[in-house]
C-alpha atoms as a PDB file:
ATOM      1  CA  MET A   1      27.182 -13.649 -69.512  1.00  0.00           C
ATOM      2  CA  ARG A   2      26.452 -15.825 -66.381  1.00  0.00           C
ATOM      3  CA  MET A   3      27.643 -16.536 -63.207  1.00  0.00           C
ATOM      4  CA  SER A   4      26.905 -19.889 -61.750  1.00  0.00           C
ATOM      5  CA  GLY A   5      23.976 -20.365 -63.892  1.00  0.00           C
ATOM      6  CA  VAL A   6      22.943 -16.888 -63.076  1.00  0.00           C
ATOM      7  CA  PRO A   7      22.397 -13.941 -65.587  1.00  0.00           C
ATOM      8  CA  VAL A   8      24.710 -11.087 -64.867  1.00  0.00           C
ATOM      9  CA  ARG A   9      23.812  -7.914 -66.150  1.00  0.00           C
ATOM     10  CA  ARG A  10      25.561  -6.312 -69.256  1.00  0.00           C
ATOM     11  CA  SER A  11      27.720  -3.153 -68.372  1.00  0.00           C
ATOM     12  CA  ALA A  12      28.233  -0.200 -70.361  1.00  0.00           C
ATOM     13  CA  ALA A  13      30.423   3.381 -70.628  1.00  0.00           C
ATOM     14  CA  ALA A  14      30.117   6.121 -72.485  1.00  0.00           C
ATOM     15  CA  LEU A  15      32.799   8.430 -73.648  1.00  0.00           C
ATOM     16  CA  ILE A  16      31.778  11.943 -74.516  1.00  0.00           C
ATOM     17  CA  ILE A  17      34.246  13.436 -76.960  1.00  0.00           C
ATOM     18  CA  GLY A  18      34.315  17.076 -77.775  1.00  0.00           C
ATOM     19  CA  ASP A  19      36.232  20.456 -76.548  1.00  0.00           C
ATOM     20  CA  GLU A  20      32.989  22.082 -76.799  1.00  0.00           C
ATOM     21  CA  ILE A  21      31.931  20.027 -73.885  1.00  0.00           C
ATOM     22  CA  LEU A  22      34.653  20.481 -71.640  1.00  0.00           C
ATOM     23  CA  THR A  23      34.644  24.420 -72.321  1.00  0.00           C
ATOM     24  CA  GLY A  24      31.074  24.709 -72.023  1.00  0.00           C
ATOM     25  CA  LYS A  25      30.015  25.917 -75.221  1.00  0.00           C
ATOM     26  CA  THR A  26      27.641  22.506 -75.533  1.00  0.00           C
ATOM     27  CA  LEU A  27      25.349  20.757 -73.132  1.00  0.00           C
ATOM     28  CA  ASP A  28      25.871  17.256 -73.153  1.00  0.00           C
ATOM     29  CA  THR A  29      22.326  15.279 -73.083  1.00  0.00           C
ATOM     30  CA  ASN A  30      23.768  12.284 -74.826  1.00  0.00           C
ATOM     31  CA  SER A  31      24.971  10.762 -71.704  1.00  0.00           C
ATOM     32  CA  ASN A  32      21.517  11.188 -70.017  1.00  0.00           C
ATOM     33  CA  PHE A  33      19.542   9.521 -72.970  1.00  0.00           C
ATOM     34  CA  LEU A  34      22.108   6.899 -72.918  1.00  0.00           C
ATOM     35  CA  ALA A  35      21.658   6.085 -69.120  1.00  0.00           C
ATOM     36  CA  LYS A  36      17.596   5.918 -69.606  1.00  0.00           C
ATOM     37  CA  PHE A  37      17.861   3.944 -72.796  1.00  0.00           C
ATOM     38  CA  LEU A  38      20.382   1.382 -71.006  1.00  0.00           C
ATOM     39  CA  PHE A  39      18.592   1.281 -67.809  1.00  0.00           C
ATOM     40  CA  ALA A  40      15.188   0.409 -69.766  1.00  0.00           C
ATOM     41  CA  ARG A  41      16.930  -2.155 -71.268  1.00  0.00           C
ATOM     42  CA  GLY A  42      18.599  -4.099 -68.123  1.00  0.00           C
ATOM     43  CA  VAL A  43      22.192  -2.666 -68.740  1.00  0.00           C
ATOM     44  CA  ASP A  44      23.992  -0.842 -66.119  1.00  0.00           C
ATOM     45  CA  LEU A  45      26.154   2.258 -67.377  1.00  0.00           C
ATOM     46  CA  LYS A  46      28.963   2.075 -65.171  1.00  0.00           C
ATOM     47  CA  ARG A  47      31.010   4.630 -66.515  1.00  0.00           C
ATOM     48  CA  VAL A  48      30.421   8.328 -68.385  1.00  0.00           C
ATOM     49  CA  GLU A  49      33.571  10.129 -69.226  1.00  0.00           C
ATOM     50  CA  VAL A  50      34.599  13.086 -71.029  1.00  0.00           C
ATOM     51  CA  ILE A  51      37.535  13.811 -72.956  1.00  0.00           C
ATOM     52  CA  PRO A  52      38.832  16.435 -75.461  1.00  0.00           C
ATOM     53  CA  ASP A  53      39.408  16.178 -79.284  1.00  0.00           C
ATOM     54  CA  ASP A  54      42.948  14.679 -78.785  1.00  0.00           C
ATOM     55  CA  MET A  55      43.910  11.686 -80.553  1.00  0.00           C
ATOM     56  CA  ASP A  56      45.852   9.799 -77.880  1.00  0.00           C
ATOM     57  CA  ASP A  57      43.216  10.725 -75.183  1.00  0.00           C
ATOM     58  CA  ILE A  58      40.302   9.029 -77.492  1.00  0.00           C
ATOM     59  CA  GLY A  59      42.564   5.804 -78.217  1.00  0.00           C
ATOM     60  CA  GLU A  60      43.583   5.536 -74.742  1.00  0.00           C
ATOM     61  CA  SER A  61      40.174   5.812 -73.340  1.00  0.00           C
ATOM     62  CA  VAL A  62      38.325   3.581 -75.751  1.00  0.00           C
ATOM     63  CA  LYS A  63      40.623   1.003 -75.449  1.00  0.00           C
ATOM     64  CA  ARG A  64      40.619   0.990 -71.917  1.00  0.00           C
ATOM     65  CA  LEU A  65      36.944   0.908 -71.488  1.00  0.00           C
ATOM     66  CA  SER A  66      36.142  -1.462 -74.281  1.00  0.00           C
ATOM     67  CA  ASP A  67      38.828  -4.372 -72.407  1.00  0.00           C
ATOM     68  CA  THR A  68      36.423  -3.259 -69.234  1.00  0.00           C
ATOM     69  CA  PHE A  69      33.082  -3.460 -70.202  1.00  0.00           C
ATOM     70  CA  ASP A  70      30.514  -5.234 -72.285  1.00  0.00           C
ATOM     71  CA  TYR A  71      29.777  -2.035 -74.124  1.00  0.00           C
ATOM     72  CA  VAL A  72      31.342   1.348 -75.187  1.00  0.00           C
ATOM     73  CA  PHE A  73      29.367   4.114 -76.661  1.00  0.00           C
ATOM     74  CA  THR A  74      31.411   6.943 -78.269  1.00  0.00           C
ATOM     75  CA  SER A  75      29.776  10.077 -78.712  1.00  0.00           C
ATOM     76  CA  GLY A  76      31.172  13.141 -81.102  1.00  0.00           C
ATOM     77  CA  GLY A  77      34.230  13.556 -83.193  1.00  0.00           C
ATOM     78  CA  ILE A  78      32.655  11.681 -86.544  1.00  0.00           C
ATOM     79  CA  GLY A  79      32.186  14.950 -88.553  1.00  0.00           C
ATOM     80  CA  PRO A  80      33.752  16.448 -91.656  1.00  0.00           C
ATOM     81  CA  THR A  81      36.327  18.980 -89.901  1.00  0.00           C
ATOM     82  CA  HIS A  82      39.724  18.780 -88.641  1.00  0.00           C
ATOM     83  CA  ASP A  83      39.124  18.108 -85.210  1.00  0.00           C
ATOM     84  CA  ASP A  84      36.525  15.097 -86.077  1.00  0.00           C
ATOM     85  CA  LEU A  85      39.382  12.563 -84.968  1.00  0.00           C
ATOM     86  CA  THR A  86      37.371   9.520 -83.626  1.00  0.00           C
ATOM     87  CA  TYR A  87      37.563   7.272 -86.450  1.00  0.00           C
ATOM     88  CA  GLU A  88      41.041   7.492 -86.546  1.00  0.00           C
ATOM     89  CA  ALA A  89      42.018   7.448 -83.229  1.00  0.00           C
ATOM     90  CA  ILE A  90      39.753   4.143 -82.861  1.00  0.00           C
ATOM     91  CA  ALA A  91      41.652   2.581 -85.415  1.00  0.00           C
ATOM     92  CA  ARG A  92      44.735   3.287 -84.140  1.00  0.00           C
ATOM     93  CA  ALA A  93      43.695   2.081 -80.790  1.00  0.00           C
ATOM     94  CA  PHE A  94      42.792  -1.189 -82.022  1.00  0.00           C
ATOM     95  CA  GLU A  95      45.851  -1.337 -84.649  1.00  0.00           C
ATOM     96  CA  LEU A  96      43.188  -1.286 -87.684  1.00  0.00           C
ATOM     97  CA  ASP A  97      43.416   0.589 -91.259  1.00  0.00           C
ATOM     98  CA  LEU A  98      41.201   3.187 -92.074  1.00  0.00           C
ATOM     99  CA  GLY A  99      39.277   3.053 -95.434  1.00  0.00           C
ATOM    100  CA  LEU A 100      36.789   4.762 -97.297  1.00  0.00           C
ATOM    101  CA  ASP A 101      33.721   2.487 -97.251  1.00  0.00           C
ATOM    102  CA  GLU A 102      32.268   2.910-100.763  1.00  0.00           C
ATOM    103  CA  SER A 103      28.745   1.532 -99.377  1.00  0.00           C
ATOM    104  CA  ILE A 104      28.634   4.747 -97.094  1.00  0.00           C
ATOM    105  CA  VAL A 105      29.457   6.948-100.149  1.00  0.00           C
ATOM    106  CA  ALA A 106      26.835   5.115-102.229  1.00  0.00           C
ATOM    107  CA  GLU A 107      24.075   5.738 -99.214  1.00  0.00           C
ATOM    108  CA  MET A 108      25.392   9.631 -98.871  1.00  0.00           C
ATOM    109  CA  LYS A 109      24.638  10.051-102.682  1.00  0.00           C
ATOM    110  CA  ARG A 110      20.916   8.189-102.477  1.00  0.00           C
ATOM    111  CA  ILE A 111      20.125  10.294 -99.591  1.00  0.00           C
ATOM    112  CA  GLN A 112      21.883  13.394-100.302  1.00  0.00           C
ATOM    113  CA  PRO A 113      22.145  13.380-104.175  1.00  0.00           C
ATOM    114  CA  ASP A 114      22.534  17.185-104.327  1.00  0.00           C
ATOM    115  CA  VAL A 115      24.946  17.382-102.121  1.00  0.00           C
ATOM    116  CA  GLU A 116      29.008  17.693-103.462  1.00  0.00           C
ATOM    117  CA  LEU A 117      30.692  14.980-102.183  1.00  0.00           C
ATOM    118  CA  ASN A 118      34.472  17.002-101.471  1.00  0.00           C
ATOM    119  CA  GLU A 119      37.183  15.582 -99.686  1.00  0.00           C
ATOM    120  CA  SER A 120      35.811  16.757 -96.135  1.00  0.00           C
ATOM    121  CA  ARG A 121      32.680  14.745 -96.896  1.00  0.00           C
ATOM    122  CA  LEU A 122      34.221  11.797 -97.811  1.00  0.00           C
ATOM    123  CA  ARG A 123      36.225  11.883 -94.484  1.00  0.00           C
ATOM    124  CA  MET A 124      32.825  10.871 -92.759  1.00  0.00           C
ATOM    125  CA  ALA A 125      32.904   7.947 -95.020  1.00  0.00           C
ATOM    126  CA  THR A 126      36.527   6.877 -94.307  1.00  0.00           C
ATOM    127  CA  ILE A 127      36.321   4.036 -91.132  1.00  0.00           C
ATOM    128  CA  PRO A 128      38.157   1.491 -89.598  1.00  0.00           C
ATOM    129  CA  THR A 129      38.750  -1.514 -91.364  1.00  0.00           C
ATOM    130  CA  LYS A 130      37.127  -4.789 -90.087  1.00  0.00           C
ATOM    131  CA  SER A 131      34.478  -2.857 -88.645  1.00  0.00           C
ATOM    132  CA  GLU A 132      30.615  -3.463 -88.604  1.00  0.00           C
ATOM    133  CA  LYS A 133      28.001  -1.043 -90.044  1.00  0.00           C
ATOM    134  CA  LEU A 134      24.717  -0.818 -88.511  1.00  0.00           C
ATOM    135  CA  GLU A 135      22.114   1.124 -90.754  1.00  0.00           C
ATOM    136  CA  THR A 136      19.645   3.502 -89.617  1.00  0.00           C
ATOM    137  CA  GLU A 137      16.655   4.153 -91.853  1.00  0.00           C
ATOM    138  CA  GLY A 138      16.717   7.483 -93.602  1.00  0.00           C
ATOM    139  CA  LEU A 139      20.416   7.933 -92.241  1.00  0.00           C
ATOM    140  CA  TRP A 140      23.520   7.357 -94.779  1.00  0.00           C
ATOM    141  CA  VAL A 141      25.833   7.387 -91.631  1.00  0.00           C
ATOM    142  CA  PRO A 142      25.941   3.896 -90.239  1.00  0.00           C
ATOM    143  CA  LEU A 143      26.627   2.853 -86.798  1.00  0.00           C
ATOM    144  CA  VAL A 144      30.147   1.740 -86.675  1.00  0.00           C
ATOM    145  CA  VAL A 145      31.230  -1.082 -84.176  1.00  0.00           C
ATOM    146  CA  VAL A 146      34.532  -1.773 -83.774  1.00  0.00           C
ATOM    147  CA  ASN A 147      36.108  -4.437 -81.752  1.00  0.00           C
ATOM    148  CA  SER A 148      32.801  -6.111 -81.421  1.00  0.00           C
ATOM    149  CA  ASN A 149      31.616  -4.024 -78.336  1.00  0.00           C
ATOM    150  CA  VAL A 150      32.851  -0.293 -79.347  1.00  0.00           C
ATOM    151  CA  TYR A 151      29.640   1.864 -80.838  1.00  0.00           C
ATOM    152  CA  VAL A 152      30.526   4.944 -82.607  1.00  0.00           C
ATOM    153  CA  LEU A 153      28.059   7.576 -82.389  1.00  0.00           C
ATOM    154  CA  PRO A 154      27.697  11.180 -83.743  1.00  0.00           C
ATOM    155  CA  GLY A 155      27.137  14.036 -81.215  1.00  0.00           C
ATOM    156  CA  VAL A 156      24.092  14.982 -82.517  1.00  0.00           C
ATOM    157  CA  PRO A 157      21.689  13.823 -80.061  1.00  0.00           C
ATOM    158  CA  SER A 158      18.764  13.551 -82.447  1.00  0.00           C
ATOM    159  CA  ILE A 159      20.821  11.311 -84.929  1.00  0.00           C
ATOM    160  CA  LEU A 160      22.522   9.511 -81.948  1.00  0.00           C
ATOM    161  CA  GLU A 161      19.050   8.684 -80.326  1.00  0.00           C
ATOM    162  CA  ARG A 162      17.989   7.380 -83.918  1.00  0.00           C
ATOM    163  CA  MET A 163      20.601   5.278 -84.193  1.00  0.00           C
ATOM    164  CA  LEU A 164      20.511   3.671 -80.675  1.00  0.00           C
ATOM    165  CA  ASN A 165      16.700   3.260 -81.143  1.00  0.00           C
ATOM    166  CA  ALA A 166      17.161   1.585 -84.332  1.00  0.00           C
ATOM    167  CA  ALA A 167      19.806  -0.739 -82.910  1.00  0.00           C
ATOM    168  CA  SER A 168      18.266  -1.609 -79.383  1.00  0.00           C
ATOM    169  CA  SER A 169      17.695  -5.161 -79.794  1.00  0.00           C
ATOM    170  CA  ARG A 170      21.611  -5.689 -79.903  1.00  0.00           C
ATOM    171  CA  PHE A 171      21.798  -4.314 -76.126  1.00  0.00           C
ATOM    172  CA  GLY A 172      21.023  -6.364 -73.090  1.00  0.00           C
ATOM    173  CA  ASN A 173      20.421 -10.347 -72.178  1.00  0.00           C
ATOM    174  CA  GLY A 174      17.071 -10.262 -71.601  1.00  0.00           C
ATOM    175  CA  LEU A 175      17.117  -9.099 -68.019  1.00  0.00           C
ATOM    176  CA  PRO A 176      14.829  -6.683 -67.096  1.00  0.00           C
ATOM    177  CA  PRO A 177      15.318  -2.973 -65.703  1.00  0.00           C
ATOM    178  CA  ARG A 178      15.821  -2.855 -61.978  1.00  0.00           C
ATOM    179  CA  SER A 179      12.588  -2.456 -59.780  1.00  0.00           C
ATOM    180  CA  ARG A 180      12.296   1.227 -58.705  1.00  0.00           C
ATOM    181  CA  ARG A 181      10.502   3.044 -56.254  1.00  0.00           C
ATOM    182  CA  ILE A 182      10.253   7.123 -55.708  1.00  0.00           C
ATOM    183  CA  VAL A 183       9.482   8.447 -52.389  1.00  0.00           C
ATOM    184  CA  TYR A 184       8.762  11.968 -51.847  1.00  0.00           C
ATOM    185  CA  THR A 185       8.992  14.108 -48.590  1.00  0.00           C
ATOM    186  CA  LYS A 186       8.678  17.498 -47.236  1.00  0.00           C
ATOM    187  CA  MET A 187      11.692  16.709 -44.939  1.00  0.00           C
ATOM    188  CA  HIS A 188      15.074  17.989 -45.415  1.00  0.00           C
ATOM    189  CA  GLU A 189      18.454  15.942 -45.958  1.00  0.00           C
ATOM    190  CA  GLY A 190      19.950  16.708 -42.811  1.00  0.00           C
ATOM    191  CA  ASP A 191      16.800  15.570 -40.776  1.00  0.00           C
ATOM    192  CA  LEU A 192      15.917  12.264 -42.451  1.00  0.00           C
ATOM    193  CA  ALA A 193      19.846  11.100 -43.250  1.00  0.00           C
ATOM    194  CA  GLU A 194      20.191   9.000 -40.172  1.00  0.00           C
ATOM    195  CA  SER A 195      16.879   7.197 -40.569  1.00  0.00           C
ATOM    196  CA  VAL A 196      17.274   6.372 -44.198  1.00  0.00           C
ATOM    197  CA  GLY A 197      21.033   5.486 -43.546  1.00  0.00           C
ATOM    198  CA  LYS A 198      19.921   2.720 -41.172  1.00  0.00           C
ATOM    199  CA  ILE A 199      17.130   1.392 -43.357  1.00  0.00           C
ATOM    200  CA  ALA A 200      20.204   1.270 -46.100  1.00  0.00           C
ATOM    201  CA  SER A 201      22.252  -1.096 -43.710  1.00  0.00           C
ATOM    202  CA  LYS A 202      19.747  -3.283 -43.271  1.00  0.00           C
ATOM    203  CA  TYR A 203      18.592  -3.620 -47.192  1.00  0.00           C
ATOM    204  CA  SER A 204      22.229  -4.318 -48.267  1.00  0.00           C
ATOM    205  CA  GLN A 205      21.217  -5.294 -51.891  1.00  0.00           C
ATOM    206  CA  VAL A 206      19.199  -2.033 -52.454  1.00  0.00           C
ATOM    207  CA  ALA A 207      20.643   1.050 -53.931  1.00  0.00           C
ATOM    208  CA  ILE A 208      18.977   3.937 -51.955  1.00  0.00           C
ATOM    209  CA  GLY A 209      19.656   7.545 -53.333  1.00  0.00           C
ATOM    210  CA  SER A 210      18.997  11.001 -51.564  1.00  0.00           C
ATOM    211  CA  TYR A 211      18.233  14.133 -54.150  1.00  0.00           C
ATOM    212  CA  PRO A 212      17.291  17.654 -52.752  1.00  0.00           C
ATOM    213  CA  ARG A 213      14.834  19.535 -54.622  1.00  0.00           C
ATOM    214  CA  THR A 214      16.639  21.526 -57.593  1.00  0.00           C
ATOM    215  CA  GLU A 215      13.740  23.871 -58.675  1.00  0.00           C
ATOM    216  CA  LYS A 216      11.558  26.248 -56.082  1.00  0.00           C
ATOM    217  CA  THR A 217       8.710  24.870 -58.028  1.00  0.00           C
ATOM    218  CA  HIS A 218       9.179  21.358 -56.787  1.00  0.00           C
ATOM    219  CA  ARG A 219       6.624  20.377 -53.884  1.00  0.00           C
ATOM    220  CA  TYR A 220       8.969  18.067 -52.451  1.00  0.00           C
ATOM    221  CA  ASN A 221      12.154  18.884 -50.580  1.00  0.00           C
ATOM    222  CA  VAL A 222      14.033  15.685 -50.998  1.00  0.00           C
ATOM    223  CA  LYS A 223      13.143  12.349 -53.208  1.00  0.00           C
ATOM    224  CA  ILE A 224      14.487   9.155 -52.435  1.00  0.00           C
ATOM    225  CA  THR A 225      14.953   6.542 -54.827  1.00  0.00           C
ATOM    226  CA  ILE A 226      15.127   2.757 -54.199  1.00  0.00           C
ATOM    227  CA  GLU A 227      16.194   0.422 -56.811  1.00  0.00           C
ATOM    228  CA  ALA A 228      17.365  -3.192 -56.715  1.00  0.00           C
ATOM    229  CA  ASP A 229      16.904  -6.435 -58.960  1.00  0.00           C
ATOM    230  CA  ASP A 230      14.568  -7.646 -56.363  1.00  0.00           C
ATOM    231  CA  GLN A 231      11.004  -6.324 -56.443  1.00  0.00           C
ATOM    232  CA  ALA A 232      10.186  -7.620 -53.122  1.00  0.00           C
ATOM    233  CA  GLN A 233      13.045  -6.213 -51.364  1.00  0.00           C
ATOM    234  CA  VAL A 234      12.557  -2.608 -53.341  1.00  0.00           C
ATOM    235  CA  GLU A 235       8.733  -2.634 -51.923  1.00  0.00           C
ATOM    236  CA  ALA A 236       9.926  -3.670 -48.486  1.00  0.00           C
ATOM    237  CA  CYS A 237      12.585  -1.187 -48.043  1.00  0.00           C
ATOM    238  CA  ALA A 238      10.059   1.474 -49.648  1.00  0.00           C
ATOM    239  CA  SER A 239       7.577   0.880 -47.250  1.00  0.00           C
ATOM    240  CA  GLU A 240      10.310   1.286 -44.640  1.00  0.00           C
ATOM    241  CA  VAL A 241      11.408   4.297 -45.815  1.00  0.00           C
ATOM    242  CA  VAL A 242       7.889   5.991 -46.566  1.00  0.00           C
ATOM    243  CA  LEU A 243       6.980   5.480 -42.518  1.00  0.00           C
ATOM    244  CA  ALA A 244      10.820   7.228 -41.870  1.00  0.00           C
ATOM    245  CA  ILE A 245      10.406  10.052 -43.550  1.00  0.00           C
ATOM    246  CA  ASN A 246       6.440  10.762 -43.733  1.00  0.00           C
ATOM    247  CA  GLY A 247       6.855  10.219 -47.575  1.00  0.00           C
ATOM    248  CA  VAL A 248       4.556   9.575 -50.429  1.00  0.00           C
ATOM    249  CA  ASP A 249       4.886   7.964 -53.767  1.00  0.00           C
ATOM    250  CA  ASP A 250       3.040  10.444 -55.650  1.00  0.00           C
ATOM    251  CA  VAL A 251       4.321  13.950 -55.446  1.00  0.00           C
ATOM    252  CA  ASP A 252       0.758  15.506 -56.069  1.00  0.00           C
ATOM    253  CA  LYS A 253       0.041  13.998 -52.621  1.00  0.00           C
ATOM    254  CA  LEU A 254       2.374  16.419 -50.555  1.00  0.00           C
END
């Protein structure tokens, strides 16, 4: 994607599906992995939504996000049980049929020859028609791509991570990650907010984030992040932040 000859970063959204996330039974780590994975590839993760195992919610969300962002990554709801509704909901959203994919069945048989292919397991091989399948070595389940930009992933973190790493070359458009500097300080947010705010006003193209410590073992009180496409702007801004808050770029120096 380009605007006036200048490359524009691709955008992405993550759709985390599962009642277990919303009720606190399972801790979502997939969105955090996706954020780091996409940042490293120069892609801007713009939205993370968490929704229940509901056909209408899934369909509405995935269609809206697909229309808005370059990439949509769904996580969860493609297993063998009654509450795994993602494939069907996505098929409905894009007015596609569902069909048993014999190539997936063949991979199931090859990789797990001793497992009975009952009706429940075959649900996991029943995917939207006209979708693309990306293979991951050692896995029978493919990364299914619908509408050219919706990547349907499992909720199991280890499998999701393997599948994304195997398909990593598809994401981004050659732009490097944004430049980033981190500054640590013993000051507290209430004491540094005014000075950092003035610096932020001066560097309008730089994103400055302020994060207080979350663990008593942390040696700092506040961590400031400075990010932008322009490395020179990041370095200049970081230098001013360091002076304003008596900060360091190595937490061990505090």
